[in-house]
Amino acid sequence: MDLSVRRSARMGINMSDIHEECGVFGVISPCIADVAGMAYYGLYALQHRGQESCGIVVNDDGVFSSYKDLGLVSEVFSADTLSRLPQGNMAVGHVRYGTTGAANRNNCQPIEVNHQKGKMALAHNGNLSNAAGLRNTLELSGAIFHTTSDTETIAYIVTGERLRTRSIEDALSAAMNTLEGAYSLVLMSAQKLICARDPYGFRPLCYGKTPEGIYVAASEGCALNAVGARFIRDLEPGEILVFGPEGVVSRREHCGRRKKRLCIFEYIYFARPDSVMDGVSVHGARIRAGRSLARHYPAEADLVVGVPDSGLDAALGFSMEAGIPYGIGLIKNKYIGRTFISPGQQARLDQVRIKLSAIEESVRGKRVVLVDDSIVRGTTSGRIVRLLREAGAKEIHMRISSPPFLYPCYYGTDIDSQDHLIACRHSVEETAEIIGADSLGYLPVAELHSLIGGCGYCSACFDGDYPTAVPTDTRKDRFEQKLSKKKK
């Protein structure tokens, strides 16, 4: 069996599941350096953003070399694999959870393009809300697609604009007039590294610099830290940042076109706690979410326990506000991915057993407040509650540091059907009964602003307030339908 097929089977990837998104990384050095190694460590720090596939493209004086495959960064890039990538002056990398397109090697990023005016490698985090219409127009004009990812659509549009413009950054700027939805991009040409963030700023993107003068761009600041780069700043929504022979040039012709709408779920779940995005600490935002939960949904309890990993900070905040001791009641196996990537309910249950175990000494005979970041189907939450019951917990009061999921997301979070969302089918009381909790409380939608202060955010998956037009076809596999299905 092919290595990528074995990995896909072992990971249990299925396109009907709810996934997260992606992470992008770029590096440009003033001299030849081990940029592939830097990309490797940067992607390793971003592994939480995508566990489906990964890839690195190295630029050695205009010659591109790459390696991409399904699997975790540590699986895809062995020491031998990395040694076969040359040293160079630039590299781009990507970790993926696909929200458009199936999990196969063709959809691995970065995407590489050879065209009349040169080469390009592109890494994308986000999801275009007008991807289907753009792809249809391109296909009618003769474009031939090799992947089913909307990233290839971006690459086609940028390449087309490049034939009519003076530079690759002009081409990207022109393309941004056509693209709608979420996109944080790292693009590499023969001579330049270019970063761009959509005018809403749905997804994060920042850059920094090492003491050796190497510039690094990444989805989160934790990736800068991993390669010894000092954080400089976040890109503004709509900003294009060009690293090239003329130094660092900021282009802001698209800035201010839209109200800022950074995905609030970045702070609740996606990002690492040690990251700071748009000036707001992720750890601090989660502490505030926990404090808010304690104020709105207090509980008489003996212990506050967080679900590893993204529920831990909110649990600490709940404990601080409520004056209830914080304790470690669940231990996570660090060597298994998040349960969202399992293909069926029984497999998800099995993975929860492998992934988490309860500490009986901590919870036996106690009234426990259990804090987690979200409830999607309720399957995982129910199993965690049962783990604590089996360990002897007397009462379990579940608190969720986000509001209930009620609407699909079209901007990079793979929530594409209300059929999968337990909150769309059951009341809070019914959900508590289904998962086996004594009580249940969600963070109120009105409290989301308290997490990040005045920073604008998108909360459409909780309140249905979409910043862009809603797509008519939201299926992840809409570009992979069989002929029989297309004819219906």
Protein backbone atom coordinates (compact mmCIF):
# COMPACT_ATOMS: atom_id res chain seq x y z
CA MET A 1 0.00 0.00 0.00
CA ASP A 2 1.26 3.51 -0.87
CA LEU A 3 2.67 5.42 2.12
CA SER A 4 0.20 8.30 1.73
CA VAL A 5 -2.71 5.83 1.53
CA ARG A 6 -1.55 4.09 4.71
CA ARG A 7 -1.29 7.43 6.49
CA SER A 8 -4.73 8.50 5.32
CA ALA A 9 -6.26 5.23 6.48
CA ARG A 10 -4.52 5.37 9.85
CA MET A 11 -5.57 8.98 10.44
CA GLY A 12 -9.18 8.15 9.62
CA ILE A 13 -9.66 11.23 7.46
CA ASN A 14 -13.15 11.64 6.04
CA MET A 15 -14.53 14.66 4.28
CA SER A 16 -17.85 14.58 6.15
CA ASP A 17 -16.15 15.40 9.45
CA ILE A 18 -15.69 18.78 11.07
CA HIS A 19 -12.11 19.96 10.80
CA GLU A 20 -10.17 23.07 11.58
CA GLU A 21 -8.13 24.90 9.01
CA CYS A 22 -4.50 25.38 7.92
CA GLY A 23 -1.20 26.99 8.81
CA VAL A 24 1.18 28.86 6.49
CA PHE A 25 4.86 29.67 6.83
CA GLY A 26 7.38 31.59 4.75
CA VAL A 27 11.05 32.48 5.12
CA ILE A 28 13.43 34.67 3.11
CA SER A 29 17.14 34.92 3.89
CA PRO A 30 19.72 37.48 2.66
CA CYS A 31 22.08 34.58 1.95
CA ILE A 32 21.89 30.85 1.24
CA ALA A 33 20.67 29.07 4.37
CA ASP A 34 18.88 25.98 5.64
CA VAL A 35 15.48 27.48 4.89
CA ALA A 36 13.92 24.01 4.60
CA GLY A 37 14.95 23.29 8.19
CA MET A 38 13.45 26.58 9.33
CA ALA A 39 10.23 25.77 7.49
CA TYR A 40 10.16 22.35 9.14
CA TYR A 41 10.38 23.79 12.64
CA GLY A 42 7.88 26.51 11.78
CA LEU A 43 5.37 23.96 10.51
CA TYR A 44 6.02 21.79 13.56
CA ALA A 45 4.93 24.73 15.73
CA LEU A 46 1.81 25.11 13.57
CA GLN A 47 0.93 21.41 13.60
CA HIS A 48 -2.19 22.10 15.69
CA ARG A 49 -3.65 24.00 12.74
CA GLY A 50 -3.56 21.04 10.35
CA GLN A 51 -2.84 17.34 10.72
CA GLU A 52 -3.98 16.11 7.32
CA SER A 53 -0.99 16.93 5.11
CA CYS A 54 2.02 19.21 4.85
CA GLY A 55 4.60 20.45 2.38
CA ILE A 56 7.66 22.64 1.85
CA VAL A 57 8.92 24.35 -1.32
CA VAL A 58 12.51 25.69 -1.36
CA ASN A 59 13.76 28.41 -3.73
CA ASP A 60 17.47 28.14 -4.55
CA ASP A 61 18.20 31.12 -6.81
CA GLY A 62 15.04 30.59 -8.86
CA VAL A 63 15.13 26.77 -8.85
CA PHE A 64 12.21 25.32 -6.89
CA SER A 65 12.45 21.99 -5.03
CA SER A 66 9.58 20.56 -3.01
CA TYR A 67 8.21 17.70 -0.99
CA LYS A 68 4.58 17.21 0.04
CA ASP A 69 2.54 14.32 1.39
CA LEU A 70 -0.29 13.26 3.68
CA GLY A 71 0.54 13.01 7.35
CA LEU A 72 2.04 14.93 10.25
CA VAL A 73 5.14 17.07 9.82
CA SER A 74 7.27 14.57 11.73
CA GLU A 75 6.01 11.72 9.52
CA VAL A 76 6.35 13.43 6.14
CA PHE A 77 9.74 15.04 6.79
CA SER A 78 12.30 12.59 8.05
CA ALA A 79 15.94 13.63 8.43
CA ASP A 80 16.66 11.96 5.09
CA THR A 81 13.78 13.75 3.34
CA LEU A 82 14.87 17.13 4.67
CA SER A 83 18.47 16.50 3.63
CA ARG A 84 17.32 16.04 0.03
CA LEU A 85 15.86 19.54 -0.05
CA PRO A 86 18.61 22.00 -1.00
CA GLN A 87 19.68 25.05 0.90
CA GLY A 88 18.29 28.25 -0.55
CA ASN A 89 17.27 31.79 0.16
CA MET A 90 13.51 31.27 0.39
CA ALA A 91 10.95 28.65 1.37
CA VAL A 92 7.22 28.36 1.92
CA GLY A 93 5.44 25.69 3.94
CA HIS A 94 1.94 24.56 4.74
CA VAL A 95 0.02 22.28 7.11
CA ARG A 96 -3.49 21.40 6.00
CA TYR A 97 -6.92 20.49 7.16
CA GLY A 98 -8.96 20.77 3.99
CA THR A 99 -12.27 22.61 4.00
CA THR A 100 -12.53 22.34 0.21
CA GLY A 101 -11.30 19.20 -1.51
CA ALA A 102 -10.54 15.68 -0.40
CA ALA A 103 -7.57 14.42 1.59
CA ASN A 104 -5.19 13.25 -1.13
CA ARG A 105 -1.68 14.09 -2.24
CA ASN A 106 -2.89 16.26 -5.14
CA ASN A 107 -4.43 18.69 -2.66
CA CYS A 108 -1.27 19.04 -0.57
CA GLN A 109 0.17 22.51 -0.44
CA PRO A 110 2.05 24.71 -1.25
CA ILE A 111 0.74 24.72 -4.82
CA GLU A 112 3.42 25.25 -7.48
CA VAL A 113 2.84 26.99 -10.80
CA ASN A 114 5.11 27.42 -13.83
CA HIS A 115 3.90 30.13 -16.17
CA GLN A 116 5.17 32.42 -18.91
CA LYS A 117 6.57 35.00 -16.49
CA GLY A 118 8.15 32.64 -14.01
CA LYS A 119 7.45 30.30 -11.14
CA MET A 120 5.22 30.64 -8.11
CA ALA A 121 4.53 28.63 -4.96
CA LEU A 122 1.44 29.44 -2.93
CA ALA A 123 0.29 28.48 0.58
CA HIS A 124 -3.22 29.42 1.68
CA ASN A 125 -5.12 29.47 4.97
CA GLY A 126 -8.84 30.13 4.71
CA ASN A 127 -11.72 29.44 2.38
CA LEU A 128 -13.09 31.45 -0.55
CA SER A 129 -16.84 32.04 -0.31
CA ASN A 130 -17.01 32.54 -4.09
CA ALA A 131 -14.75 29.62 -5.02
CA ALA A 132 -17.37 27.71 -7.03
CA GLY A 133 -18.26 30.68 -9.24
CA LEU A 134 -14.64 31.59 -9.84
CA ARG A 135 -13.71 28.01 -10.72
CA ASN A 136 -16.63 27.71 -13.13
CA THR A 137 -15.58 30.89 -14.93
CA LEU A 138 -11.99 29.70 -15.17
CA GLU A 139 -13.01 26.28 -16.51
CA LEU A 140 -15.22 27.89 -19.16
CA SER A 141 -12.19 29.91 -20.27
CA GLY A 142 -10.15 26.73 -20.71
CA ALA A 143 -8.42 26.35 -17.35
CA ILE A 144 -7.57 22.76 -16.41
CA PHE A 145 -7.55 22.03 -12.68
CA HIS A 146 -5.29 19.40 -11.14
CA THR A 147 -6.66 19.69 -7.59
CA THR A 148 -10.05 20.21 -5.96
CA SER A 149 -8.80 22.85 -3.52
CA ASP A 150 -9.82 26.50 -3.81
CA THR A 151 -6.12 27.38 -3.43
CA GLU A 152 -5.60 26.40 -7.05
CA THR A 153 -8.32 28.86 -8.00
CA ILE A 154 -6.33 31.62 -6.28
CA ALA A 155 -3.18 30.50 -8.10
CA TYR A 156 -4.95 30.63 -11.48
CA ILE A 157 -6.30 34.12 -10.88
CA VAL A 158 -2.96 35.48 -9.68
CA THR A 159 -1.19 33.89 -12.66
CA GLY A 160 -3.71 35.35 -15.08
CA GLU A 161 -3.25 38.81 -13.60
CA ARG A 162 0.53 38.41 -13.76
CA LEU A 163 0.33 38.25 -17.56
CA ARG A 164 -1.22 41.73 -17.52
CA THR A 165 0.74 43.42 -14.74
CA ARG A 166 4.29 44.61 -14.11
CA SER A 167 5.02 42.52 -11.01
CA ILE A 168 3.82 39.58 -8.97
CA GLU A 169 2.65 41.90 -6.19
CA ASP A 170 0.60 43.92 -8.70
CA ALA A 171 -0.92 40.65 -9.88
CA LEU A 172 -1.84 39.64 -6.34
CA SER A 173 -3.37 43.05 -5.67
CA ALA A 174 -5.48 42.78 -8.82
CA ALA A 175 -6.55 39.25 -7.85
CA MET A 176 -7.75 40.49 -4.47
CA ASN A 177 -10.42 42.52 -6.29
CA THR A 178 -11.93 39.18 -7.37
CA LEU A 179 -11.42 36.97 -4.32
CA GLU A 180 -14.10 36.89 -1.63
CA GLY A 181 -13.96 35.26 1.77
CA ALA A 182 -11.02 34.23 3.93
CA TYR A 183 -7.44 34.03 2.72
CA SER A 184 -4.11 34.53 4.41
CA LEU A 185 -1.48 33.85 1.77
CA VAL A 186 2.25 33.29 1.57
CA LEU A 187 3.42 33.43 -2.04
CA MET A 188 6.92 32.84 -3.37
CA SER A 189 8.24 33.88 -6.78
CA ALA A 190 11.77 33.52 -8.09
CA GLN A 191 12.89 36.73 -6.36
CA LYS A 192 10.25 37.69 -3.80
CA LEU A 193 8.31 36.41 -0.82
CA ILE A 194 4.87 38.00 -0.59
CA CYS A 195 2.26 37.80 2.17
CA ALA A 196 -1.35 38.94 2.00
CA ARG A 197 -4.36 38.99 4.30
CA ASP A 198 -7.94 39.39 3.07
CA PRO A 199 -9.65 42.75 3.72
CA TYR A 200 -11.75 41.26 6.54
CA GLY A 201 -8.71 39.72 8.24
CA PHE A 202 -10.58 36.45 8.87
CA ARG A 203 -7.38 34.48 9.43
CA PRO A 204 -4.24 35.59 11.26
CA LEU A 205 -0.88 36.34 9.64
CA CYS A 206 2.22 37.92 11.16
CA TYR A 207 5.92 38.35 10.50
CA GLY A 208 9.21 38.72 12.33
CA LYS A 209 12.97 38.75 11.90
CA THR A 210 15.88 36.69 13.21
CA PRO A 211 19.13 38.21 14.52
CA GLU A 212 20.75 37.07 11.27
CA GLY A 213 18.40 39.24 9.22
CA ILE A 214 16.12 36.42 8.03
CA TYR A 215 12.48 37.43 7.66
CA VAL A 216 9.80 34.95 8.63
CA ALA A 217 6.03 35.05 8.10
CA ALA A 218 3.55 32.66 9.72
CA SER A 219 -0.04 32.12 10.74
CA GLU A 220 0.88 32.47 14.42
CA GLY A 221 3.67 34.00 16.44
CA CYS A 222 4.49 30.65 18.02
CA ALA A 223 6.06 29.63 14.68
CA LEU A 224 8.29 32.71 14.76
CA ASN A 225 9.48 31.76 18.23
CA ALA A 226 10.26 28.25 17.04
CA VAL A 227 12.86 29.52 14.56
CA GLY A 228 14.31 32.27 16.73
CA ALA A 229 12.57 35.18 15.02
CA ARG A 230 11.42 38.26 16.91
CA PHE A 231 7.79 39.17 16.31
CA ILE A 232 7.46 42.49 14.49
CA ARG A 233 3.73 42.82 13.85
CA ASP A 234 0.56 41.33 12.39
CA LEU A 235 -0.39 42.11 8.84
CA GLU A 236 -3.34 44.48 8.63
CA PRO A 237 -6.53 43.19 7.00
CA GLY A 238 -6.11 43.79 3.27
CA GLU A 239 -2.36 44.37 3.51
CA ILE A 240 0.17 43.00 1.04
CA LEU A 241 3.72 42.69 2.39
CA VAL A 242 6.55 42.23 -0.13
CA PHE A 243 10.01 40.93 0.85
CA GLY A 244 12.43 41.36 -2.02
CA PRO A 245 15.42 43.17 -3.50
CA GLU A 246 13.97 46.52 -2.39
CA GLY A 247 13.62 45.39 1.23
CA VAL A 248 10.25 45.12 2.96
CA VAL A 249 7.45 47.01 1.24
CA SER A 250 3.90 47.32 2.62
CA ARG A 251 1.04 47.86 0.20
CA ARG A 252 -2.25 48.98 1.71
CA GLU A 253 -4.56 49.70 -1.22
CA HIS A 254 -6.99 47.06 0.06
CA CYS A 255 -6.80 48.09 3.73
CA GLY A 256 -9.90 49.65 5.23
CA ARG A 257 -12.23 48.28 2.56
CA ARG A 258 -14.06 46.10 5.04
CA LYS A 259 -14.75 46.01 8.75
CA LYS A 260 -12.28 43.73 10.49
CA ARG A 261 -13.74 40.27 11.15
CA LEU A 262 -11.05 38.00 12.62
CA CYS A 263 -12.49 34.54 13.36
CA ILE A 264 -13.38 34.49 17.07
CA PHE A 265 -12.86 30.73 17.16
CA GLU A 266 -9.14 31.37 16.62
CA TYR A 267 -9.06 32.61 20.22
CA ILE A 268 -11.39 29.96 21.60
CA TYR A 269 -9.90 26.86 19.96
CA PHE A 270 -7.62 27.05 16.91
CA ALA A 271 -4.60 29.03 18.03
CA ARG A 272 -1.91 27.99 20.48
CA PRO A 273 -2.24 29.65 23.91
CA ASP A 274 1.19 31.26 23.60
CA SER A 275 0.23 33.10 20.41
CA VAL A 276 -0.75 36.77 20.30
CA MET A 277 -3.00 37.74 17.39
CA ASP A 278 -3.84 41.32 16.48
CA GLY A 279 -2.47 42.40 19.83
CA VAL A 280 -4.63 40.02 21.88
CA SER A 281 -3.19 37.12 23.86
CA VAL A 282 -4.92 33.82 23.12
CA HIS A 283 -4.25 32.66 26.69
CA GLY A 284 -5.74 35.87 28.06
CA ALA A 285 -8.83 35.57 25.87
CA ARG A 286 -9.48 32.04 27.13
CA ILE A 287 -8.99 33.10 30.74
CA ARG A 288 -11.62 35.82 30.20
CA ALA A 289 -13.98 33.30 28.61
CA GLY A 290 -13.71 31.10 31.70
CA ARG A 291 -14.32 34.04 34.02
CA SER A 292 -17.41 34.99 32.03
CA LEU A 293 -18.72 31.43 32.26
CA ALA A 294 -18.33 31.48 36.03
CA ARG A 295 -20.32 34.70 36.26
CA HIS A 296 -23.13 33.61 33.97
CA TYR A 297 -23.33 29.91 34.85
CA PRO A 298 -22.00 29.38 38.38
CA ALA A 299 -22.04 25.95 39.97
CA GLU A 300 -21.63 24.60 43.48
CA ALA A 301 -18.61 22.39 43.02
CA ASP A 302 -15.40 21.14 44.58
CA LEU A 303 -13.11 21.14 41.56
CA VAL A 304 -12.70 22.78 38.15
CA VAL A 305 -11.24 20.55 35.42
CA GLY A 306 -10.33 21.55 31.88
CA VAL A 307 -10.43 19.30 28.82
CA PRO A 308 -6.93 19.26 27.30
CA ASP A 309 -5.70 21.28 25.57
CA SER A 310 -7.85 24.25 24.58
CA GLY A 311 -10.18 23.93 27.58
CA LEU A 312 -7.41 24.30 30.16
CA ASP A 313 -7.04 28.07 30.07
CA ALA A 314 -10.80 28.67 30.28
CA ALA A 315 -10.99 26.24 33.20
CA LEU A 316 -8.31 28.25 34.98
CA GLY A 317 -10.33 31.42 34.39
CA PHE A 318 -13.47 29.78 35.77
CA SER A 319 -11.55 28.70 38.84
CA MET A 320 -10.16 32.21 39.39
CA GLU A 321 -13.58 33.84 39.14
CA ALA A 322 -15.54 31.24 41.11
CA GLY A 323 -12.96 30.62 43.81
CA ILE A 324 -13.20 26.88 43.22
CA PRO A 325 -9.90 24.94 43.18
CA TYR A 326 -8.46 24.15 39.77
CA GLY A 327 -7.21 20.61 39.31
CA ILE A 328 -5.94 18.15 36.71
CA GLY A 329 -8.67 15.59 36.23
CA LEU A 330 -7.94 14.46 32.68
CA ILE A 331 -4.67 13.35 31.10
CA LYS A 332 -4.16 13.56 27.35
CA ASN A 333 -2.13 11.16 25.26
CA LYS A 334 0.05 13.57 23.28
CA TYR A 335 0.57 11.15 20.42
CA ILE A 336 -2.89 11.10 18.88
CA GLY A 337 -4.56 13.81 16.82
CA ARG A 338 -7.79 15.63 17.52
CA THR A 339 -10.93 13.51 17.41
CA PHE A 340 -12.57 15.60 14.67
CA ILE A 341 -10.57 13.64 12.07
CA SER A 342 -12.30 10.31 12.72
CA PRO A 343 -14.65 8.93 10.05
CA GLY A 344 -17.50 7.58 12.16
CA GLN A 345 -19.06 7.74 15.60
CA GLN A 346 -17.57 4.48 16.89
CA ALA A 347 -14.11 5.47 15.72
CA ARG A 348 -14.49 8.80 17.51
CA LEU A 349 -15.45 6.99 20.70
CA ASP A 350 -12.47 4.68 20.38
CA GLN A 351 -10.12 7.62 19.88
CA VAL A 352 -11.47 9.39 22.96
CA ARG A 353 -10.64 6.29 25.02
CA ILE A 354 -7.11 6.35 23.66
CA LYS A 355 -6.73 10.10 23.84
CA LEU A 356 -8.01 10.88 27.35
CA SER A 357 -8.03 9.20 30.72
CA ALA A 358 -9.40 10.42 34.05
CA ILE A 359 -7.37 10.76 37.24
CA GLU A 360 -9.50 8.93 39.77
CA GLU A 361 -7.71 10.38 42.80
CA SER A 362 -8.57 13.92 41.67
CA VAL A 363 -12.27 13.49 40.91
CA ARG A 364 -13.61 10.64 43.03
CA GLY A 365 -16.50 11.78 45.24
CA LYS A 366 -16.28 15.37 44.02
CA ARG A 367 -18.62 17.79 42.29
CA VAL A 368 -16.73 18.72 39.14
CA VAL A 369 -17.02 21.69 36.78
CA LEU A 370 -15.82 20.38 33.42
CA VAL A 371 -14.74 23.11 30.98
CA ASP A 372 -14.29 22.53 27.26
CA ASP A 373 -14.02 24.81 24.23
CA SER A 374 -17.06 23.60 22.26
CA ILE A 375 -19.69 20.96 21.67
CA VAL A 376 -20.24 19.95 18.06
CA ARG A 377 -22.05 16.61 17.82
CA GLY A 378 -21.95 15.82 21.50
CA THR A 379 -20.27 12.46 20.94
CA THR A 380 -16.90 13.43 22.39
CA SER A 381 -18.42 15.43 25.25
CA GLY A 382 -20.59 12.50 26.26
CA ARG A 383 -17.62 10.18 26.37
CA ILE A 384 -15.58 12.60 28.49
CA VAL A 385 -18.44 12.95 30.95
CA ARG A 386 -18.63 9.16 31.17
CA LEU A 387 -14.90 8.94 31.83
CA LEU A 388 -15.30 11.19 34.85
CA ARG A 389 -18.38 9.29 36.04
CA GLU A 390 -16.48 6.01 35.82
CA ALA A 391 -13.67 7.62 37.82
CA GLY A 392 -16.13 8.40 40.62
CA ALA A 393 -17.14 12.03 40.07
CA LYS A 394 -20.33 12.73 42.06
CA GLU A 395 -21.62 15.56 39.87
CA ILE A 396 -20.46 16.94 36.53
CA HIS A 397 -21.40 20.47 35.49
CA MET A 398 -20.21 21.12 31.96
CA ARG A 399 -19.28 24.63 30.85
CA ILE A 400 -18.40 25.55 27.29
CA SER A 401 -16.15 28.52 26.49
CA SER A 402 -17.97 29.24 23.22
CA PRO A 403 -21.62 29.76 22.30
CA PRO A 404 -23.54 26.89 20.66
CA PHE A 405 -22.69 26.16 17.02
CA LEU A 406 -25.84 27.00 15.07
CA TYR A 407 -24.69 27.93 11.56
CA PRO A 408 -22.22 26.69 8.92
CA CYS A 409 -18.88 28.44 8.44
CA TYR A 410 -17.74 29.46 4.95
CA TYR A 411 -14.38 30.94 5.91
CA GLY A 412 -12.13 28.02 6.76
CA THR A 413 -13.76 26.09 9.60
CA ASP A 414 -15.26 22.88 8.24
CA ILE A 415 -18.74 23.25 9.72
CA ASP A 416 -20.82 22.78 6.60
CA SER A 417 -24.06 21.17 7.76
CA GLN A 418 -26.49 21.99 10.54
CA ASP A 419 -27.35 18.28 10.57
CA HIS A 420 -24.08 17.67 12.45
CA LEU A 421 -24.68 20.32 15.11
CA ILE A 422 -26.33 19.10 18.29
CA ALA A 423 -27.37 22.63 19.28
CA CYS A 424 -29.51 22.88 16.13
CA ARG A 425 -31.55 19.85 17.16
CA HIS A 426 -31.69 20.01 20.94
CA SER A 427 -32.15 22.56 23.70
CA VAL A 428 -29.41 23.17 26.28
CA GLU A 429 -31.28 21.01 28.80
CA GLU A 430 -31.72 18.20 26.25
CA THR A 431 -28.05 18.40 25.29
CA ALA A 432 -27.03 18.13 28.95
CA GLU A 433 -29.15 15.01 29.28
CA ILE A 434 -27.74 13.50 26.08
CA ILE A 435 -24.11 13.96 27.16
CA GLY A 436 -24.88 12.88 30.73
CA ALA A 437 -24.02 16.14 32.51
CA ASP A 438 -25.86 17.43 35.57
CA SER A 439 -25.94 20.90 34.03
CA LEU A 440 -24.65 22.69 30.95
CA GLY A 441 -23.78 26.30 30.21
CA TYR A 442 -22.42 27.96 27.08
CA LEU A 443 -20.63 31.28 26.80
CA PRO A 444 -23.29 33.85 25.81
CA VAL A 445 -22.88 35.32 22.32
CA ALA A 446 -23.06 38.80 23.85
CA GLU A 447 -19.93 38.00 25.88
CA LEU A 448 -17.69 37.26 22.87
CA HIS A 449 -16.59 40.89 22.72
CA SER A 450 -15.16 40.62 26.22
CA LEU A 451 -12.65 38.02 25.04
CA ILE A 452 -10.74 40.36 22.73
CA GLY A 453 -11.89 43.89 23.55
CA GLY A 454 -12.37 46.27 20.65
CA CYS A 455 -10.90 43.95 18.01
CA GLY A 456 -13.50 43.22 15.32
CA TYR A 457 -14.41 39.57 14.92
CA CYS A 458 -16.55 37.10 12.95
CA SER A 459 -18.98 34.99 14.97
CA ALA A 460 -21.18 33.82 12.09
CA CYS A 461 -21.04 30.16 13.16
CA PHE A 462 -22.72 31.23 16.42
CA ASP A 463 -25.06 34.04 15.35
CA GLY A 464 -25.50 33.75 11.55
CA ASP A 465 -24.13 37.25 10.90
CA TYR A 466 -22.16 36.55 7.73
CA PRO A 467 -19.81 39.28 6.46
CA THR A 468 -20.05 38.07 2.83
CA ALA A 469 -22.69 36.58 0.56
CA VAL A 470 -23.50 32.98 1.49
CA PRO A 471 -22.44 30.40 -1.15
CA THR A 472 -25.20 28.33 -2.75
CA ASP A 473 -23.13 25.12 -2.78
CA THR A 474 -21.19 24.52 0.43
CA ARG A 475 -20.23 20.84 0.05
CA LYS A 476 -16.56 20.18 0.66
CA ASP A 477 -16.59 17.64 -2.19
CA ARG A 478 -18.46 19.87 -4.64
CA PHE A 479 -15.60 19.62 -7.15
CA GLU A 480 -15.37 15.81 -6.78
CA GLN A 481 -18.94 14.69 -7.44
CA LYS A 482 -19.49 11.59 -9.58
CA LEU A 483 -21.11 12.09 -12.96
CA SER A 484 -24.31 10.37 -11.80
CA LYS A 485 -24.65 12.88 -8.96
CA LYS A 486 -23.88 15.88 -11.16
CA LYS A 487 -26.67 14.95 -13.60
CA LYS A 488 -29.35 14.93 -10.91
